[in-house]
C-alpha cells in the first residue's frame, strides 16, 4: 500500500489538525481508478487522494504549486515503482503539464480546491491569523504577497476584493481601519492585520467565526487568483480527459462550488455555438454527463472526526466524445476584479 500523507484541510479559523483526506471514499467512487489507467491529481497537497489512487494500481500525475509539498512527496514516488510523477506547476495548466510528460489524454482528474493544512499550519507561510507570521499567503513563491496588496492597493479596489471574495459585509469598515494603520507604517504580519480587522468589526463572540476570517479568505483567493485558476483548470480538464474520463472536484467555499456547479451545468447541456452577446449558431453537444445530481456532502461521522470537512462539496462528471469549447469565465461566476501589480494597482 502506498503511504498516503493525508489531504488538504481548508479552514482558517481553527488550530492544527491531522492531514485527513476529505470525502476520500466518494472521490474514489466517482473517479473510478484502476490499474492501467492514468489520472491527474491537480492539487497534490499532502498526497491523500494520490495515495488512494495509486493503491488501485493506476498511475498518477500529481501537480502542486508549492515546492515544499512536492519535496515531502518524494517518498511516495519511490514507493510507487514508476507510477507517480510529481510536477511543480499550476493546475490551470494541467493539460499542458500532462502533455509535457507524455500524456495527451488521461482517464480522470481530481481537484481539491483551496489551501492545504500544511500551508495553514506553517506560520511562515502567512495564511493563518492563528499563528503570527509574515503577511504572505502565496501558494507558490512568485507574485505579489498579501502584504503588498494590503499596503498599496487603492482603498476602493481593496474594499471590493474583501467584499466579493470574502463576502464581508463590513468591508468598508475593514479597509478604513487598514488605511489608518498603513498611513503610519506598513502592515507586515498576520497577527497585526487580524488585530486591525478585529478592532474594526468587533471582537469574536462565542460560536462565531473569527472577525478576520473573511478578510484573510479574500486576500488569499486574490493573491493566488484562485477563482480564475479554478475556471482555467476546469477548461483544461475538459481538454485533457479522454472519452469516458472522470472529473471530480471538491470545493470548500460557496464561491468555488458555484463556479464548478455552473461549469458542469453548462457543459452537460446543449448550448449555442456563439457567445452570450451573439445569436446562437448550431447547437454544441454536451462535453460532460453529470455523475452527481447536486453536491455530495460529508456524512456526520466524517464531520465528527474531521470538523474542517464540514463545508466540503463534491461534484463529478464523465467526459463525452464532444469537442471541448471556449470558456466564458464571467458566465460561470468568476468575478471581474481589479488587477494588481507590486507597488501599484494596474
Protein backbone atom coordinates (compact mmCIF):
# COMPACT_ATOMS: atom_id res chain seq x y z
CA UNK A 1 0.00 0.00 0.00
CA UNK A 2 1.29 3.47 -0.90
CA UNK A 3 1.58 5.60 2.22
CA UNK A 4 -0.91 8.43 1.85
CA UNK A 5 0.23 11.53 3.68
CA UNK A 6 -3.26 12.85 4.08
CA UNK A 7 -5.03 15.64 2.30
CA UNK A 8 -5.99 19.23 2.38
CA UNK A 9 -7.57 20.98 5.28
CA UNK A 10 -9.20 24.27 4.45
CA UNK A 11 -10.31 26.31 7.43
CA UNK A 12 -8.52 29.42 8.59
CA UNK A 13 -10.42 29.52 11.84
CA UNK A 14 -9.01 26.51 13.65
CA UNK A 15 -5.80 25.18 15.04
CA UNK A 16 -3.62 22.43 13.62
CA UNK A 17 -5.44 19.25 12.63
CA UNK A 18 -4.37 15.90 11.21
CA UNK A 19 -3.98 15.69 7.44
CA UNK A 20 -7.16 13.77 6.61
CA UNK A 21 -8.35 13.18 3.03
CA UNK A 22 -11.77 14.83 2.70
CA UNK A 23 -14.59 12.78 1.12
CA UNK A 24 -11.96 10.22 0.11
CA UNK A 25 -14.37 7.30 -0.38
CA UNK A 26 -16.69 9.42 -2.51
CA UNK A 27 -13.76 10.74 -4.54
CA UNK A 28 -12.54 7.22 -5.34
CA UNK A 29 -16.08 6.03 -6.10
CA UNK A 30 -16.69 8.74 -8.68
CA UNK A 31 -13.15 8.81 -10.09
CA UNK A 32 -13.14 5.00 -10.54
CA UNK A 33 -9.36 4.50 -10.81
CA UNK A 34 -7.98 1.12 -11.86
CA UNK A 35 -4.75 -0.49 -12.98
CA UNK A 36 -3.53 0.57 -16.40
CA UNK A 37 -5.26 3.95 -16.28
CA UNK A 38 -3.68 7.39 -15.77
CA UNK A 39 -5.09 10.12 -13.55
CA UNK A 40 -4.20 13.70 -12.71
CA UNK A 41 -4.29 14.91 -9.12
CA UNK A 42 -4.27 18.64 -9.79
CA UNK A 43 -3.86 19.55 -6.11
CA UNK A 44 -1.37 17.08 -4.64
CA UNK A 45 -1.10 18.75 -1.21
CA UNK A 46 -0.22 16.06 1.32
CA UNK A 47 -0.92 13.28 -1.17
CA UNK A 48 -4.12 11.83 0.30
CA UNK A 49 -6.01 11.34 -2.96
CA UNK A 50 -2.88 10.39 -4.89
CA UNK A 51 -2.08 7.64 -2.38
CA UNK A 52 -5.51 6.05 -2.70
CA UNK A 53 -5.45 6.25 -6.50
CA UNK A 54 -2.05 4.55 -6.55
CA UNK A 55 -3.41 1.80 -4.30
CA UNK A 56 -5.73 0.74 -7.14
CA UNK A 57 -2.76 0.12 -9.46
CA UNK A 58 -3.37 3.28 -11.51
CA UNK A 59 -0.72 5.84 -12.45
CA UNK A 60 -0.84 9.46 -11.26
CA UNK A 61 0.49 12.78 -12.50
CA UNK A 62 0.35 14.92 -9.34
CA UNK A 63 0.61 18.71 -9.59
CA UNK A 64 1.25 21.33 -6.92
CA UNK A 65 2.33 24.98 -6.91
CA UNK A 66 4.12 24.50 -3.61
CA UNK A 67 7.63 23.03 -3.98
CA UNK A 68 7.64 22.00 -0.31
CA UNK A 69 4.65 19.72 -0.93
CA UNK A 70 6.49 18.03 -3.77
CA UNK A 71 9.62 17.61 -1.68
CA UNK A 72 7.54 15.93 1.02
CA UNK A 73 6.04 13.59 -1.59
CA UNK A 74 9.31 12.11 -2.83
CA UNK A 75 8.94 9.04 -0.64
CA UNK A 76 5.63 8.31 -2.40
CA UNK A 77 7.45 8.47 -5.74
CA UNK A 78 10.00 5.94 -4.50
CA UNK A 79 7.24 3.59 -3.31
CA UNK A 80 5.11 3.88 -6.46
CA UNK A 81 7.51 1.98 -8.71
CA UNK A 82 7.29 4.42 -11.62
CA UNK A 83 3.55 5.09 -11.41
CA UNK A 84 3.78 8.55 -9.79
CA UNK A 85 5.09 11.71 -11.43
CA UNK A 86 5.27 14.86 -9.31
CA UNK A 87 5.11 18.14 -11.23
CA UNK A 88 5.56 21.68 -9.94
CA UNK A 89 3.06 23.98 -11.62
CA UNK A 90 -0.45 25.40 -11.61
CA UNK A 91 -3.45 23.15 -12.07
CA UNK A 92 -4.78 25.63 -14.59
CA UNK A 93 -2.05 24.27 -16.90
CA UNK A 94 -2.78 20.62 -16.14
CA UNK A 95 -3.40 19.62 -19.78
CA UNK A 96 -0.10 21.09 -20.91
CA UNK A 97 1.76 19.65 -17.92
CA UNK A 98 0.34 16.20 -18.72
CA UNK A 99 1.37 16.56 -22.37
CA UNK A 100 4.87 17.57 -21.28
CA UNK A 101 5.08 14.20 -19.51
CA UNK A 102 3.81 12.17 -22.45
CA UNK A 103 0.04 12.13 -21.87
CA UNK A 104 -2.17 13.94 -24.36
CA UNK A 105 -5.24 12.35 -22.74
CA UNK A 106 -5.91 10.93 -19.27
CA UNK A 107 -8.65 8.86 -17.64
CA UNK A 108 -9.51 11.12 -14.75
CA UNK A 109 -8.83 14.43 -12.99
CA UNK A 110 -9.37 15.21 -9.31
CA UNK A 111 -9.17 18.75 -7.91
CA UNK A 112 -9.27 19.55 -4.18
CA UNK A 113 -9.69 23.31 -4.22
CA UNK A 114 -8.28 25.57 -1.53
CA UNK A 115 -5.33 25.98 0.81
CA UNK A 116 -3.80 22.90 2.39
CA UNK A 117 -3.38 22.24 6.09
CA UNK A 118 0.38 22.03 5.59
CA UNK A 119 0.30 25.65 4.45
CA UNK A 120 -2.11 26.76 7.18
CA UNK A 121 -0.08 25.15 9.91
CA UNK A 122 3.20 26.83 8.93
CA UNK A 123 3.27 30.34 10.38
CA UNK A 124 5.94 31.50 7.94
CA UNK A 125 3.55 30.98 5.00
CA UNK A 126 1.28 33.72 6.35
CA UNK A 127 -2.10 32.08 5.71
CA UNK A 128 -3.48 31.89 9.23
CA UNK A 129 -4.29 34.59 11.76
CA UNK A 130 -3.99 31.94 14.48
CA UNK A 131 -0.21 31.89 14.11
CA UNK A 132 1.63 35.16 13.71
CA UNK A 133 3.81 35.24 10.63
CA UNK A 134 4.73 37.36 7.61
CA UNK A 135 1.76 38.59 5.58
CA UNK A 136 2.47 36.41 2.55
CA UNK A 137 -0.30 33.91 1.59
CA UNK A 138 1.26 32.86 -1.72
CA UNK A 139 0.84 29.17 -2.57
CA UNK A 140 3.89 29.40 -4.79
CA UNK A 141 6.83 31.74 -4.42
CA UNK A 142 6.03 34.24 -7.14
CA UNK A 143 3.95 37.40 -7.50
CA UNK A 144 2.66 39.98 -5.00
CA UNK A 145 2.10 38.98 -1.39
CA UNK A 146 -0.93 39.73 0.73
CA UNK A 147 1.21 42.41 2.37
CA UNK A 148 1.76 44.09 -0.98
CA UNK A 149 -2.00 44.15 -1.58
CA UNK A 150 -2.90 45.41 1.89
CA UNK A 151 -0.27 48.15 1.88
CA UNK A 152 -0.53 49.52 -1.66
CA UNK A 153 -3.89 48.71 -3.26
CA UNK A 154 -6.29 51.61 -3.75
CA UNK A 155 -8.92 51.66 -0.96
CA UNK A 156 -11.87 51.30 -3.31
CA UNK A 157 -10.31 48.27 -5.02
CA UNK A 158 -9.33 46.66 -1.72
CA UNK A 159 -12.86 47.06 -0.38
CA UNK A 160 -14.23 45.35 -3.48
CA UNK A 161 -11.79 42.45 -3.15
CA UNK A 162 -12.73 41.90 0.50
CA UNK A 163 -16.46 42.30 -0.14
CA UNK A 164 -16.58 39.98 -3.17
CA UNK A 165 -14.02 37.30 -2.34
CA UNK A 166 -14.54 37.34 1.40
CA UNK A 167 -18.28 38.04 1.28
CA UNK A 168 -17.54 40.52 4.07
CA UNK A 169 -20.45 42.91 4.63
CA UNK A 170 -18.29 45.29 6.65
CA UNK A 171 -15.55 45.55 4.00
CA UNK A 172 -15.55 49.36 4.04
CA UNK A 173 -15.02 49.44 7.80
CA UNK A 174 -12.17 46.95 7.44
CA UNK A 175 -10.49 48.96 4.70
CA UNK A 176 -10.87 52.23 6.59
CA UNK A 177 -9.05 50.65 9.52
CA UNK A 178 -6.35 49.31 7.22
CA UNK A 179 -5.87 52.76 5.67
CA UNK A 180 -5.41 54.35 9.08
CA UNK A 181 -2.86 51.74 10.10
CA UNK A 182 -0.85 51.77 6.87
CA UNK A 183 -0.65 55.57 6.86
CA UNK A 184 1.51 55.19 9.96
CA UNK A 185 3.55 52.12 8.98
CA UNK A 186 3.41 49.09 6.70
CA UNK A 187 1.31 46.16 7.89
CA UNK A 188 3.70 43.19 7.76
CA UNK A 189 2.35 40.35 9.90
CA UNK A 190 -0.79 38.22 10.03
CA UNK A 191 -1.23 39.00 13.71
CA UNK A 192 -1.21 42.73 13.12
CA UNK A 193 -3.74 42.52 10.28
CA UNK A 194 -6.00 40.23 12.32
CA UNK A 195 -5.93 42.73 15.18
CA UNK A 196 -6.76 45.65 12.86
CA UNK A 197 -9.73 43.77 11.39
CA UNK A 198 -10.94 42.62 14.80
CA UNK A 199 -10.96 46.17 16.14
CA UNK A 200 -12.86 47.37 13.08
CA UNK A 201 -15.54 44.67 13.12
CA UNK A 202 -15.76 43.84 16.81
CA UNK A 203 -14.34 41.04 18.88
CA UNK A 204 -15.25 37.42 18.32
CA UNK A 205 -18.34 36.24 20.16
CA UNK A 206 -18.94 32.68 21.31
CA UNK A 207 -19.99 30.46 18.43
CA UNK A 208 -18.98 32.97 15.74
CA UNK A 209 -16.09 32.77 13.30
CA UNK A 210 -13.06 34.95 13.96
CA UNK A 211 -13.68 38.51 12.68
CA UNK A 212 -10.67 38.29 10.34
CA UNK A 213 -11.77 35.04 8.65
CA UNK A 214 -13.45 36.63 5.64
CA UNK A 215 -10.73 39.23 5.07
CA UNK A 216 -7.99 36.58 5.15
CA UNK A 217 -10.01 34.37 2.80
CA UNK A 218 -10.42 37.24 0.34
CA UNK A 219 -6.72 38.14 0.35
CA UNK A 220 -5.65 34.53 -0.11
CA UNK A 221 -8.01 33.97 -3.02
CA UNK A 222 -6.97 37.25 -4.65
CA UNK A 223 -3.21 36.76 -4.22
CA UNK A 224 -3.37 33.28 -5.74
CA UNK A 225 -6.01 34.11 -8.38
CA UNK A 226 -7.83 31.05 -7.12
CA UNK A 227 -11.14 31.55 -8.90
CA UNK A 228 -9.50 32.27 -12.26
CA UNK A 229 -7.20 29.30 -11.71
CA UNK A 230 -10.18 27.06 -10.93
CA UNK A 231 -12.04 28.12 -14.07
CA UNK A 232 -8.93 27.55 -16.18
CA UNK A 233 -8.40 24.14 -14.55
CA UNK A 234 -11.95 23.09 -15.38
CA UNK A 235 -11.41 24.08 -19.02
CA UNK A 236 -8.05 22.28 -19.05
CA UNK A 237 -9.71 19.15 -17.64
CA UNK A 238 -12.25 19.25 -20.44
CA UNK A 239 -9.40 19.33 -22.97
CA UNK A 240 -7.28 16.57 -21.43
CA UNK A 241 -9.91 13.99 -20.47
CA UNK A 242 -10.42 11.06 -22.83
CA UNK A 243 -13.95 9.99 -23.68
CA UNK A 244 -15.37 8.35 -20.56
CA UNK A 245 -12.81 10.06 -18.32
CA UNK A 246 -13.96 11.33 -14.94
CA UNK A 247 -13.72 14.82 -13.42
CA UNK A 248 -14.13 15.05 -9.63
CA UNK A 249 -13.93 18.40 -7.81
CA UNK A 250 -14.06 19.00 -4.06
CA UNK A 251 -14.69 22.65 -3.14
CA UNK A 252 -14.86 24.24 0.30
CA UNK A 253 -16.28 27.74 -0.27
CA UNK A 254 -19.51 28.79 -1.94
CA UNK A 255 -17.62 30.92 -4.47
CA UNK A 256 -15.65 27.90 -5.69
CA UNK A 257 -18.56 25.48 -5.61
CA UNK A 258 -20.73 27.89 -7.57
CA UNK A 259 -18.15 28.03 -10.37
CA UNK A 260 -17.92 24.23 -10.53
CA UNK A 261 -21.72 23.90 -10.48
CA UNK A 262 -22.21 26.40 -13.29
CA UNK A 263 -19.42 24.94 -15.40
CA UNK A 264 -20.84 21.42 -15.20
CA UNK A 265 -24.39 22.64 -15.77
CA UNK A 266 -23.23 24.48 -18.89
CA UNK A 267 -21.12 21.61 -20.19
CA UNK A 268 -23.78 18.94 -19.59
CA UNK A 269 -26.43 20.76 -21.65
CA UNK A 270 -26.60 21.56 -25.34
CA UNK A 271 -25.53 25.15 -25.92
CA UNK A 272 -25.38 27.52 -28.83
CA UNK A 273 -22.11 27.77 -30.67
CA UNK A 274 -21.85 31.56 -30.31
CA UNK A 275 -21.36 33.73 -27.22
CA UNK A 276 -23.95 35.28 -24.94
CA UNK A 277 -23.58 38.51 -26.95
CA UNK A 278 -24.23 36.88 -30.34
CA UNK A 279 -27.17 34.96 -31.80
CA UNK A 280 -26.98 31.19 -31.28
CA UNK A 281 -25.49 29.25 -34.14
CA UNK A 282 -25.67 25.46 -34.30
CA UNK A 283 -26.12 23.60 -31.01
CA UNK A 284 -22.92 22.40 -29.36
CA UNK A 285 -23.27 18.89 -27.88
CA UNK A 286 -22.60 18.33 -24.16
CA UNK A 287 -18.97 17.73 -23.23
CA UNK A 288 -19.84 16.16 -19.86
CA UNK A 289 -22.54 13.90 -18.41
CA UNK A 290 -23.23 14.54 -14.73
CA UNK A 291 -22.40 11.79 -12.25
CA UNK A 292 -23.77 13.73 -9.27
CA UNK A 293 -27.15 15.44 -9.14
CA UNK A 294 -26.35 18.26 -6.78
CA UNK A 295 -23.35 18.34 -4.49
CA UNK A 296 -22.20 15.44 -2.33
CA UNK A 297 -21.52 16.44 1.29
CA UNK A 298 -19.61 14.58 4.01
CA UNK A 299 -21.60 12.48 6.44
CA UNK A 300 -21.95 13.10 10.17
CA UNK A 301 -19.22 10.60 11.01
CA UNK A 302 -16.66 12.29 8.79
CA UNK A 303 -17.51 15.77 10.07
CA UNK A 304 -17.32 14.45 13.62
CA UNK A 305 -13.82 13.07 13.08
CA UNK A 306 -12.64 15.93 10.84
CA UNK A 307 -14.57 19.18 11.54
CA UNK A 308 -12.80 21.02 8.72
CA UNK A 309 -14.60 18.72 6.26
CA UNK A 310 -17.99 20.22 7.16
CA UNK A 311 -18.08 22.69 4.25
CA UNK A 312 -16.77 20.29 1.57
CA UNK A 313 -18.89 19.77 -1.55
CA UNK A 314 -18.11 17.20 -4.24
CA UNK A 315 -19.29 17.31 -7.84
CA UNK A 316 -18.40 14.84 -10.59
CA UNK A 317 -18.99 14.28 -14.30
CA UNK A 318 -17.96 11.93 -17.12
CA UNK A 319 -16.41 13.24 -20.35
CA UNK A 320 -18.30 12.69 -23.59
CA UNK A 321 -16.84 12.48 -27.07
CA UNK A 322 -17.85 16.07 -27.92
CA UNK A 323 -15.01 18.50 -28.67
CA UNK A 324 -14.03 20.99 -25.97
CA UNK A 325 -15.01 24.61 -26.41
CA UNK A 326 -14.04 28.08 -25.23
CA UNK A 327 -14.99 29.12 -21.72
CA UNK A 328 -16.72 32.35 -20.67
CA UNK A 329 -15.42 32.80 -17.12
CA UNK A 330 -17.89 35.51 -16.22
CA UNK A 331 -20.79 33.27 -17.19
CA UNK A 332 -19.75 30.63 -14.65
CA UNK A 333 -19.31 33.08 -11.80
CA UNK A 334 -15.70 34.30 -11.86
CA UNK A 335 -15.94 37.92 -10.61
CA UNK A 336 -14.40 40.81 -12.50
CA UNK A 337 -11.90 42.28 -10.02
CA UNK A 338 -9.18 44.93 -10.24
CA UNK A 339 -5.80 43.69 -11.45
CA UNK A 340 -2.77 44.41 -9.34
CA UNK A 341 0.99 44.63 -9.63
CA UNK A 342 3.53 45.17 -6.88
CA UNK A 343 3.52 48.73 -5.62
CA UNK A 344 0.52 50.00 -7.52
CA UNK A 345 -2.85 48.99 -8.95
CA UNK A 346 -2.72 48.31 -12.69
